[in-house]
Amino acid sequence: MEKSSKIYVAGHGGLVGSAIWNNLIQKGYTHLISRTHKELDLMDGVAVARFFAEEQPEYVFLAAAHVGGIVANNTYRADFIYRNL
């Protein structure tokens, strides 16, 4: 990747995504794109298509995830699998 490549990091505020984001910044990448869940719901296909058409990132790091605690993960297993695939 070139340092000026347009890079989208989905989930930039989470544990994995923030590590990716910070690493890219440390390495000198200058054109990073992020959206919060409130700004872009990745479950909304129309919104996602519009985002990609407008932003046209060259690279995408998908680190976004629907998370919960042990009880939520155990109680809503299918929902977590569905949302995270």
PDB file of N, CA and C in Angstrom:
ATOM      1  N   MET A   1       0.852  -1.174   0.000  1.00  0.00           N
ATOM      2  CA  MET A   1       0.000   0.000   0.000  1.00  0.00           C
ATOM      3  C   MET A   1       0.895   1.233   0.000  1.00  0.00           C
ATOM      4  N   GLU A   2       0.482   2.203  -0.760  1.00  0.00           N
ATOM      5  CA  GLU A   2       1.175   3.494  -0.755  1.00  0.00           C
ATOM      6  C   GLU A   2       0.734   4.281   0.479  1.00  0.00           C
ATOM      7  N   LYS A   3       1.586   5.150   0.974  1.00  0.00           N
ATOM      8  CA  LYS A   3       1.262   5.939   2.168  1.00  0.00           C
ATOM      9  C   LYS A   3       0.058   6.854   1.938  1.00  0.00           C
ATOM     10  N   SER A   4      -0.212   7.187   0.675  1.00  0.00           N
ATOM     11  CA  SER A   4      -1.341   8.065   0.354  1.00  0.00           C
ATOM     12  C   SER A   4      -2.590   7.287  -0.061  1.00  0.00           C
ATOM     13  N   SER A   5      -2.555   5.954   0.018  1.00  0.00           N
ATOM     14  CA  SER A   5      -3.712   5.137  -0.350  1.00  0.00           C
ATOM     15  C   SER A   5      -4.909   5.488   0.522  1.00  0.00           C
ATOM     16  N   LYS A   6      -6.081   5.423  -0.077  1.00  0.00           N
ATOM     17  CA  LYS A   6      -7.326   5.681   0.644  1.00  0.00           C
ATOM     18  C   LYS A   6      -7.733   4.386   1.352  1.00  0.00           C
ATOM     19  N   ILE A   7      -7.723   4.418   2.684  1.00  0.00           N
ATOM     20  CA  ILE A   7      -7.933   3.212   3.484  1.00  0.00           C
ATOM     21  C   ILE A   7      -9.115   3.406   4.429  1.00  0.00           C
ATOM     22  N   TYR A   8     -10.073   2.484   4.355  1.00  0.00           N
ATOM     23  CA  TYR A   8     -11.221   2.507   5.259  1.00  0.00           C
ATOM     24  C   TYR A   8     -11.014   1.449   6.338  1.00  0.00           C
ATOM     25  N   VAL A   9     -11.123   1.860   7.598  1.00  0.00           N
ATOM     26  CA  VAL A   9     -11.030   0.930   8.721  1.00  0.00           C
ATOM     27  C   VAL A   9     -12.399   0.871   9.390  1.00  0.00           C
ATOM     28  N   ALA A  10     -13.134  -0.201   9.125  1.00  0.00           N
ATOM     29  CA  ALA A  10     -14.433  -0.402   9.763  1.00  0.00           C
ATOM     30  C   ALA A  10     -14.189  -0.921  11.172  1.00  0.00           C
ATOM     31  N   GLY A  11     -14.775  -0.275  12.151  1.00  0.00           N
ATOM     32  CA  GLY A  11     -14.568  -0.668  13.538  1.00  0.00           C
ATOM     33  C   GLY A  11     -13.343  -0.022  14.150  1.00  0.00           C
ATOM     34  N   HIS A  12     -13.007   1.150  13.665  1.00  0.00           N
ATOM     35  CA  HIS A  12     -11.795   1.846  14.117  1.00  0.00           C
ATOM     36  C   HIS A  12     -11.805   2.190  15.609  1.00  0.00           C
ATOM     37  N   GLY A  13     -12.965   2.169  16.234  1.00  0.00           N
ATOM     38  CA  GLY A  13     -13.058   2.518  17.649  1.00  0.00           C
ATOM     39  C   GLY A  13     -12.968   1.325  18.587  1.00  0.00           C
ATOM     40  N   GLY A  14     -12.971   0.120  18.029  1.00  0.00           N
ATOM     41  CA  GLY A  14     -12.909  -1.079  18.859  1.00  0.00           C
ATOM     42  C   GLY A  14     -11.482  -1.509  19.157  1.00  0.00           C
ATOM     43  N   LEU A  15     -11.360  -2.620  19.830  1.00  0.00           N
ATOM     44  CA  LEU A  15     -10.050  -3.126  20.247  1.00  0.00           C
ATOM     45  C   LEU A  15      -9.140  -3.400  19.049  1.00  0.00           C
ATOM     46  N   VAL A  16      -9.592  -4.210  18.125  1.00  0.00           N
ATOM     47  CA  VAL A  16      -8.775  -4.567  16.961  1.00  0.00           C
ATOM     48  C   VAL A  16      -8.670  -3.398  15.993  1.00  0.00           C
ATOM     49  N   GLY A  17      -9.800  -2.768  15.697  1.00  0.00           N
ATOM     50  CA  GLY A  17      -9.807  -1.655  14.747  1.00  0.00           C
ATOM     51  C   GLY A  17      -8.945  -0.487  15.172  1.00  0.00           C
ATOM     52  N   SER A  18      -8.953  -0.162  16.455  1.00  0.00           N
ATOM     53  CA  SER A  18      -8.128   0.959  16.921  1.00  0.00           C
ATOM     54  C   SER A  18      -6.646   0.613  16.837  1.00  0.00           C
ATOM     55  N   ALA A  19      -6.304  -0.652  17.038  1.00  0.00           N
ATOM     56  CA  ALA A  19      -4.904  -1.074  16.895  1.00  0.00           C
ATOM     57  C   ALA A  19      -4.464  -0.945  15.438  1.00  0.00           C
ATOM     58  N   ILE A  20      -5.331  -1.343  14.514  1.00  0.00           N
ATOM     59  CA  ILE A  20      -5.027  -1.198  13.082  1.00  0.00           C
ATOM     60  C   ILE A  20      -4.875   0.279  12.743  1.00  0.00           C
ATOM     61  N   TRP A  21      -5.839   1.082  13.170  1.00  0.00           N
ATOM     62  CA  TRP A  21      -5.850   2.527  12.907  1.00  0.00           C
ATOM     63  C   TRP A  21      -4.560   3.186  13.405  1.00  0.00           C
ATOM     64  N   ASN A  22      -4.223   2.923  14.663  1.00  0.00           N
ATOM     65  CA  ASN A  22      -3.025   3.523  15.254  1.00  0.00           C
ATOM     66  C   ASN A  22      -1.752   3.056  14.563  1.00  0.00           C
ATOM     67  N   ASN A  23      -1.715   1.797  14.160  1.00  0.00           N
ATOM     68  CA  ASN A  23      -0.552   1.267  13.456  1.00  0.00           C
ATOM     69  C   ASN A  23      -0.386   1.938  12.098  1.00  0.00           C
ATOM     70  N   LEU A  24      -1.484   2.141  11.395  1.00  0.00           N
ATOM     71  CA  LEU A  24      -1.424   2.816  10.093  1.00  0.00           C
ATOM     72  C   LEU A  24      -0.928   4.252  10.257  1.00  0.00           C
ATOM     73  N   ILE A  25      -1.426   4.939  11.271  1.00  0.00           N
ATOM     74  CA  ILE A  25      -0.975   6.312  11.531  1.00  0.00           C
ATOM     75  C   ILE A  25       0.522   6.319  11.856  1.00  0.00           C
ATOM     76  N   GLN A  26       0.948   5.404  12.717  1.00  0.00           N
ATOM     77  CA  GLN A  26       2.371   5.310  13.082  1.00  0.00           C
ATOM     78  C   GLN A  26       3.253   5.077  11.863  1.00  0.00           C
ATOM     79  N   LYS A  27       2.751   4.305  10.924  1.00  0.00           N
ATOM     80  CA  LYS A  27       3.532   3.975   9.733  1.00  0.00           C
ATOM     81  C   LYS A  27       3.459   5.062   8.661  1.00  0.00           C
ATOM     82  N   GLY A  28       2.684   6.121   8.927  1.00  0.00           N
ATOM     83  CA  GLY A  28       2.665   7.269   8.033  1.00  0.00           C
ATOM     84  C   GLY A  28       1.584   7.285   6.969  1.00  0.00           C
ATOM     85  N   TYR A  29       0.563   6.447   7.111  1.00  0.00           N
ATOM     86  CA  TYR A  29      -0.547   6.485   6.154  1.00  0.00           C
ATOM     87  C   TYR A  29      -1.384   7.729   6.440  1.00  0.00           C
ATOM     88  N   THR A  30      -1.726   8.441   5.393  1.00  0.00           N
ATOM     89  CA  THR A  30      -2.300   9.778   5.568  1.00  0.00           C
ATOM     90  C   THR A  30      -3.758   9.920   5.145  1.00  0.00           C
ATOM     91  N   HIS A  31      -4.315   8.934   4.478  1.00  0.00           N
ATOM     92  CA  HIS A  31      -5.672   9.085   3.957  1.00  0.00           C
ATOM     93  C   HIS A  31      -6.575   7.988   4.529  1.00  0.00           C
ATOM     94  N   LEU A  32      -6.778   8.049   5.839  1.00  0.00           N
ATOM     95  CA  LEU A  32      -7.597   7.049   6.516  1.00  0.00           C
ATOM     96  C   LEU A  32      -9.043   7.522   6.610  1.00  0.00           C
ATOM     97  N   ILE A  33      -9.955   6.578   6.437  1.00  0.00           N
ATOM     98  CA  ILE A  33     -11.390   6.867   6.480  1.00  0.00           C
ATOM     99  C   ILE A  33     -12.001   6.037   7.606  1.00  0.00           C
ATOM    100  N   SER A  34     -12.900   6.656   8.354  1.00  0.00           N
ATOM    101  CA  SER A  34     -13.621   5.919   9.390  1.00  0.00           C
ATOM    102  C   SER A  34     -15.050   6.434   9.468  1.00  0.00           C
ATOM    103  N   ARG A  35     -15.911   5.600   9.984  1.00  0.00           N
ATOM    104  CA  ARG A  35     -17.292   5.979  10.275  1.00  0.00           C
ATOM    105  C   ARG A  35     -17.702   5.258  11.548  1.00  0.00           C
ATOM    106  N   THR A  36     -18.416   5.946  12.406  1.00  0.00           N
ATOM    107  CA  THR A  36     -18.974   5.285  13.581  1.00  0.00           C
ATOM    108  C   THR A  36     -20.187   4.475  13.137  1.00  0.00           C
ATOM    109  N   HIS A  37     -20.659   3.604  14.011  1.00  0.00           N
ATOM    110  CA  HIS A  37     -21.863   2.823  13.703  1.00  0.00           C
ATOM    111  C   HIS A  37     -23.055   3.753  13.459  1.00  0.00           C
ATOM    112  N   LYS A  38     -23.085   4.851  14.204  1.00  0.00           N
ATOM    113  CA  LYS A  38     -24.173   5.823  14.049  1.00  0.00           C
ATOM    114  C   LYS A  38     -24.125   6.477  12.660  1.00  0.00           C
ATOM    115  N   GLU A  39     -22.917   6.707  12.159  1.00  0.00           N
ATOM    116  CA  GLU A  39     -22.742   7.340  10.850  1.00  0.00           C
ATOM    117  C   GLU A  39     -22.956   6.361   9.695  1.00  0.00           C
ATOM    118  N   LEU A  40     -22.603   5.098   9.899  1.00  0.00           N
ATOM    119  CA  LEU A  40     -22.743   4.085   8.850  1.00  0.00           C
ATOM    120  C   LEU A  40     -23.061   2.744   9.489  1.00  0.00           C
ATOM    121  N   ASP A  41     -24.297   2.302   9.312  1.00  0.00           N
ATOM    122  CA  ASP A  41     -24.724   0.999   9.820  1.00  0.00           C
ATOM    123  C   ASP A  41     -24.342  -0.046   8.779  1.00  0.00           C
ATOM    124  N   LEU A  42     -23.382  -0.899   9.089  1.00  0.00           N
ATOM    125  CA  LEU A  42     -22.908  -1.891   8.131  1.00  0.00           C
ATOM    126  C   LEU A  42     -23.939  -2.969   7.827  1.00  0.00           C
ATOM    127  N   MET A  43     -25.040  -2.995   8.557  1.00  0.00           N
ATOM    128  CA  MET A  43     -26.141  -3.917   8.263  1.00  0.00           C
ATOM    129  C   MET A  43     -27.085  -3.340   7.205  1.00  0.00           C
ATOM    130  N   ASP A  44     -26.916  -2.080   6.864  1.00  0.00           N
ATOM    131  CA  ASP A  44     -27.753  -1.392   5.881  1.00  0.00           C
ATOM    132  C   ASP A  44     -27.040  -1.406   4.527  1.00  0.00           C
ATOM    133  N   GLY A  45     -27.414  -2.360   3.686  1.00  0.00           N
ATOM    134  CA  GLY A  45     -26.752  -2.544   2.398  1.00  0.00           C
ATOM    135  C   GLY A  45     -26.786  -1.324   1.501  1.00  0.00           C
ATOM    136  N   VAL A  46     -27.885  -0.601   1.505  1.00  0.00           N
ATOM    137  CA  VAL A  46     -28.009   0.601   0.669  1.00  0.00           C
ATOM    138  C   VAL A  46     -27.030   1.671   1.144  1.00  0.00           C
ATOM    139  N   ALA A  47     -26.971   1.879   2.448  1.00  0.00           N
ATOM    140  CA  ALA A  47     -26.052   2.875   3.010  1.00  0.00           C
ATOM    141  C   ALA A  47     -24.599   2.493   2.748  1.00  0.00           C
ATOM    142  N   VAL A  48     -24.288   1.210   2.854  1.00  0.00           N
ATOM    143  CA  VAL A  48     -22.921   0.739   2.613  1.00  0.00           C
ATOM    144  C   VAL A  48     -22.547   0.932   1.145  1.00  0.00           C
ATOM    145  N   ALA A  49     -23.450   0.596   0.241  1.00  0.00           N
ATOM    146  CA  ALA A  49     -23.184   0.785  -1.191  1.00  0.00           C
ATOM    147  C   ALA A  49     -22.962   2.257  -1.508  1.00  0.00           C
ATOM    148  N   ARG A  50     -23.763   3.117  -0.922  1.00  0.00           N
ATOM    149  CA  ARG A  50     -23.616   4.562  -1.130  1.00  0.00           C
ATOM    150  C   ARG A  50     -22.260   5.045  -0.596  1.00  0.00           C
ATOM    151  N   PHE A  51     -21.892   4.578   0.597  1.00  0.00           N
ATOM    152  CA  PHE A  51     -20.603   4.946   1.192  1.00  0.00           C
ATOM    153  C   PHE A  51     -19.442   4.547   0.272  1.00  0.00           C
ATOM    154  N   PHE A  52     -19.450   3.304  -0.208  1.00  0.00           N
ATOM    155  CA  PHE A  52     -18.361   2.840  -1.070  1.00  0.00           C
ATOM    156  C   PHE A  52     -18.347   3.563  -2.410  1.00  0.00           C
ATOM    157  N   ALA A  53     -19.510   3.890  -2.945  1.00  0.00           N
ATOM    158  CA  ALA A  53     -19.572   4.643  -4.203  1.00  0.00           C
ATOM    159  C   ALA A  53     -19.009   6.047  -4.026  1.00  0.00           C
ATOM    160  N   GLU A  54     -19.292   6.661  -2.893  1.00  0.00           N
ATOM    161  CA  GLU A  54     -18.818   8.029  -2.635  1.00  0.00           C
ATOM    162  C   GLU A  54     -17.341   8.067  -2.243  1.00  0.00           C
ATOM    163  N   GLU A  55     -16.934   7.212  -1.341  1.00  0.00           N
ATOM    164  CA  GLU A  55     -15.568   7.254  -0.798  1.00  0.00           C
ATOM    165  C   GLU A  55     -14.543   6.523  -1.663  1.00  0.00           C
ATOM    166  N   GLN A  56     -14.948   5.432  -2.283  1.00  0.00           N
ATOM    167  CA  GLN A  56     -14.084   4.606  -3.129  1.00  0.00           C
ATOM    168  C   GLN A  56     -12.729   4.292  -2.480  1.00  0.00           C
ATOM    169  N   PRO A  57     -12.750   3.658  -1.315  1.00  0.00           N
ATOM    170  CA  PRO A  57     -11.478   3.307  -0.677  1.00  0.00           C
ATOM    171  C   PRO A  57     -10.727   2.271  -1.508  1.00  0.00           C
ATOM    172  N   GLU A  58      -9.404   2.352  -1.464  1.00  0.00           N
ATOM    173  CA  GLU A  58      -8.572   1.393  -2.186  1.00  0.00           C
ATOM    174  C   GLU A  58      -8.353   0.125  -1.363  1.00  0.00           C
ATOM    175  N   TYR A  59      -8.366   0.276  -0.044  1.00  0.00           N
ATOM    176  CA  TYR A  59      -8.167  -0.850   0.867  1.00  0.00           C
ATOM    177  C   TYR A  59      -9.185  -0.760   1.991  1.00  0.00           C
ATOM    178  N   VAL A  60      -9.616  -1.929   2.471  1.00  0.00           N
ATOM    179  CA  VAL A  60     -10.594  -1.984   3.557  1.00  0.00           C
ATOM    180  C   VAL A  60     -10.114  -2.970   4.618  1.00  0.00           C
ATOM    181  N   PHE A  61     -10.117  -2.524   5.856  1.00  0.00           N
ATOM    182  CA  PHE A  61      -9.863  -3.400   6.997  1.00  0.00           C
ATOM    183  C   PHE A  61     -11.189  -3.533   7.729  1.00  0.00           C
ATOM    184  N   LEU A  62     -11.731  -4.739   7.784  1.00  0.00           N
ATOM    185  CA  LEU A  62     -13.025  -4.966   8.419  1.00  0.00           C
ATOM    186  C   LEU A  62     -12.816  -5.523   9.825  1.00  0.00           C
ATOM    187  N   ALA A  63     -12.853  -4.627  10.804  1.00  0.00           N
ATOM    188  CA  ALA A  63     -12.659  -5.017  12.199  1.00  0.00           C
ATOM    189  C   ALA A  63     -13.893  -4.691  13.035  1.00  0.00           C
ATOM    190  N   ALA A  64     -14.975  -4.320  12.386  1.00  0.00           N
ATOM    191  CA  ALA A  64     -16.211  -3.994  13.096  1.00  0.00           C
ATOM    192  C   ALA A  64     -16.875  -5.284  13.566  1.00  0.00           C
ATOM    193  N   ALA A  65     -17.492  -5.225  14.735  1.00  0.00           N
ATOM    194  CA  ALA A  65     -18.173  -6.405  15.259  1.00  0.00           C
ATOM    195  C   ALA A  65     -19.257  -5.995  16.240  1.00  0.00           C
ATOM    196  N   HIS A  66     -20.278  -6.814  16.293  1.00  0.00           N
ATOM    197  CA  HIS A  66     -21.325  -6.668  17.305  1.00  0.00           C
ATOM    198  C   HIS A  66     -20.833  -7.464  18.509  1.00  0.00           C
ATOM    199  N   VAL A  67     -20.671  -6.802  19.633  1.00  0.00           N
ATOM    200  CA  VAL A  67     -20.095  -7.473  20.800  1.00  0.00           C
ATOM    201  C   VAL A  67     -21.026  -7.392  22.001  1.00  0.00           C
ATOM    202  N   GLY A  68     -20.829  -8.299  22.920  1.00  0.00           N
ATOM    203  CA  GLY A  68     -21.581  -8.320  24.167  1.00  0.00           C
ATOM    204  C   GLY A  68     -20.741  -9.023  25.217  1.00  0.00           C
ATOM    205  N   GLY A  69     -21.285  -9.196  26.351  1.00  0.00           N
ATOM    206  CA  GLY A  69     -20.579  -9.922  27.397  1.00  0.00           C
ATOM    207  C   GLY A  69     -20.819 -11.416  27.261  1.00  0.00           C
ATOM    208  N   ILE A  70     -20.315 -12.164  28.193  1.00  0.00           N
ATOM    209  CA  ILE A  70     -20.449 -13.622  28.158  1.00  0.00           C
ATOM    210  C   ILE A  70     -21.916 -14.033  28.133  1.00  0.00           C
ATOM    211  N   VAL A  71     -22.739 -13.397  28.953  1.00  0.00           N
ATOM    212  CA  VAL A  71     -24.162 -13.759  29.010  1.00  0.00           C
ATOM    213  C   VAL A  71     -24.846 -13.450  27.680  1.00  0.00           C
ATOM    214  N   ALA A  72     -24.605 -12.268  27.129  1.00  0.00           N
ATOM    215  CA  ALA A  72     -25.219 -11.902  25.845  1.00  0.00           C
ATOM    216  C   ALA A  72     -24.750 -12.833  24.736  1.00  0.00           C
ATOM    217  N   ASN A  73     -23.461 -13.127  24.695  1.00  0.00           N
ATOM    218  CA  ASN A  73     -22.931 -14.029  23.668  1.00  0.00           C
ATOM    219  C   ASN A  73     -23.566 -15.411  23.770  1.00  0.00           C
ATOM    220  N   ASN A  74     -23.825 -15.854  24.970  1.00  0.00           N
ATOM    221  CA  ASN A  74     -24.412 -17.167  25.196  1.00  0.00           C
ATOM    222  C   ASN A  74     -25.912 -17.172  24.917  1.00  0.00           C
ATOM    223  N   THR A  75     -26.581 -16.077  25.234  1.00  0.00           N
ATOM    224  CA  THR A  75     -28.031 -15.986  25.082  1.00  0.00           C
ATOM    225  C   THR A  75     -28.454 -15.737  23.641  1.00  0.00           C
ATOM    226  N   TYR A  76     -27.713 -14.897  22.936  1.00  0.00           N
ATOM    227  CA  TYR A  76     -28.094 -14.486  21.581  1.00  0.00           C
ATOM    228  C   TYR A  76     -27.082 -14.965  20.542  1.00  0.00           C
ATOM    229  N   ARG A  77     -26.714 -16.224  20.615  1.00  0.00           N
ATOM    230  CA  ARG A  77     -25.676 -16.778  19.739  1.00  0.00           C
ATOM    231  C   ARG A  77     -25.956 -16.537  18.264  1.00  0.00           C
ATOM    232  N   ALA A  78     -27.139 -16.887  17.823  1.00  0.00           N
ATOM    233  CA  ALA A  78     -27.472 -16.759  16.398  1.00  0.00           C
ATOM    234  C   ALA A  78     -27.432 -15.304  15.951  1.00  0.00           C
ATOM    235  N   ASP A  79     -27.916 -14.408  16.785  1.00  0.00           N
ATOM    236  CA  ASP A  79     -27.910 -12.985  16.452  1.00  0.00           C
ATOM    237  C   ASP A  79     -26.481 -12.473  16.290  1.00  0.00           C
ATOM    238  N   PHE A  80     -25.595 -12.884  17.175  1.00  0.00           N
ATOM    239  CA  PHE A  80     -24.198 -12.450  17.084  1.00  0.00           C
ATOM    240  C   PHE A  80     -23.541 -12.995  15.817  1.00  0.00           C
ATOM    241  N   ILE A  81     -23.807 -14.248  15.498  1.00  0.00           N
ATOM    242  CA  ILE A  81     -23.252 -14.827  14.269  1.00  0.00           C
ATOM    243  C   ILE A  81     -23.783 -14.072  13.060  1.00  0.00           C
ATOM    244  N   TYR A  82     -25.086 -13.842  13.008  1.00  0.00           N
ATOM    245  CA  TYR A  82     -25.701 -13.134  11.880  1.00  0.00           C
ATOM    246  C   TYR A  82     -25.120 -11.735  11.710  1.00  0.00           C
ATOM    247  N   ARG A  83     -25.040 -10.985  12.781  1.00  0.00           N
ATOM    248  CA  ARG A  83     -24.556  -9.603  12.708  1.00  0.00           C
ATOM    249  C   ARG A  83     -23.068  -9.514  12.377  1.00  0.00           C
ATOM    250  N   ASN A  84     -22.303 -10.515  12.739  1.00  0.00           N
ATOM    251  CA  ASN A  84     -20.862 -10.446  12.539  1.00  0.00           C
ATOM    252  C   ASN A  84     -20.381 -11.108  11.255  1.00  0.00           C
ATOM    253  N   LEU A  85     -21.264 -11.734  10.535  1.00  0.00           N
ATOM    254  CA  LEU A  85     -20.865 -12.289   9.240  1.00  0.00           C
ATOM    255  C   LEU A  85     -21.146 -11.269   8.178  1.00  0.00           C
TER     256      LEU A  85
END
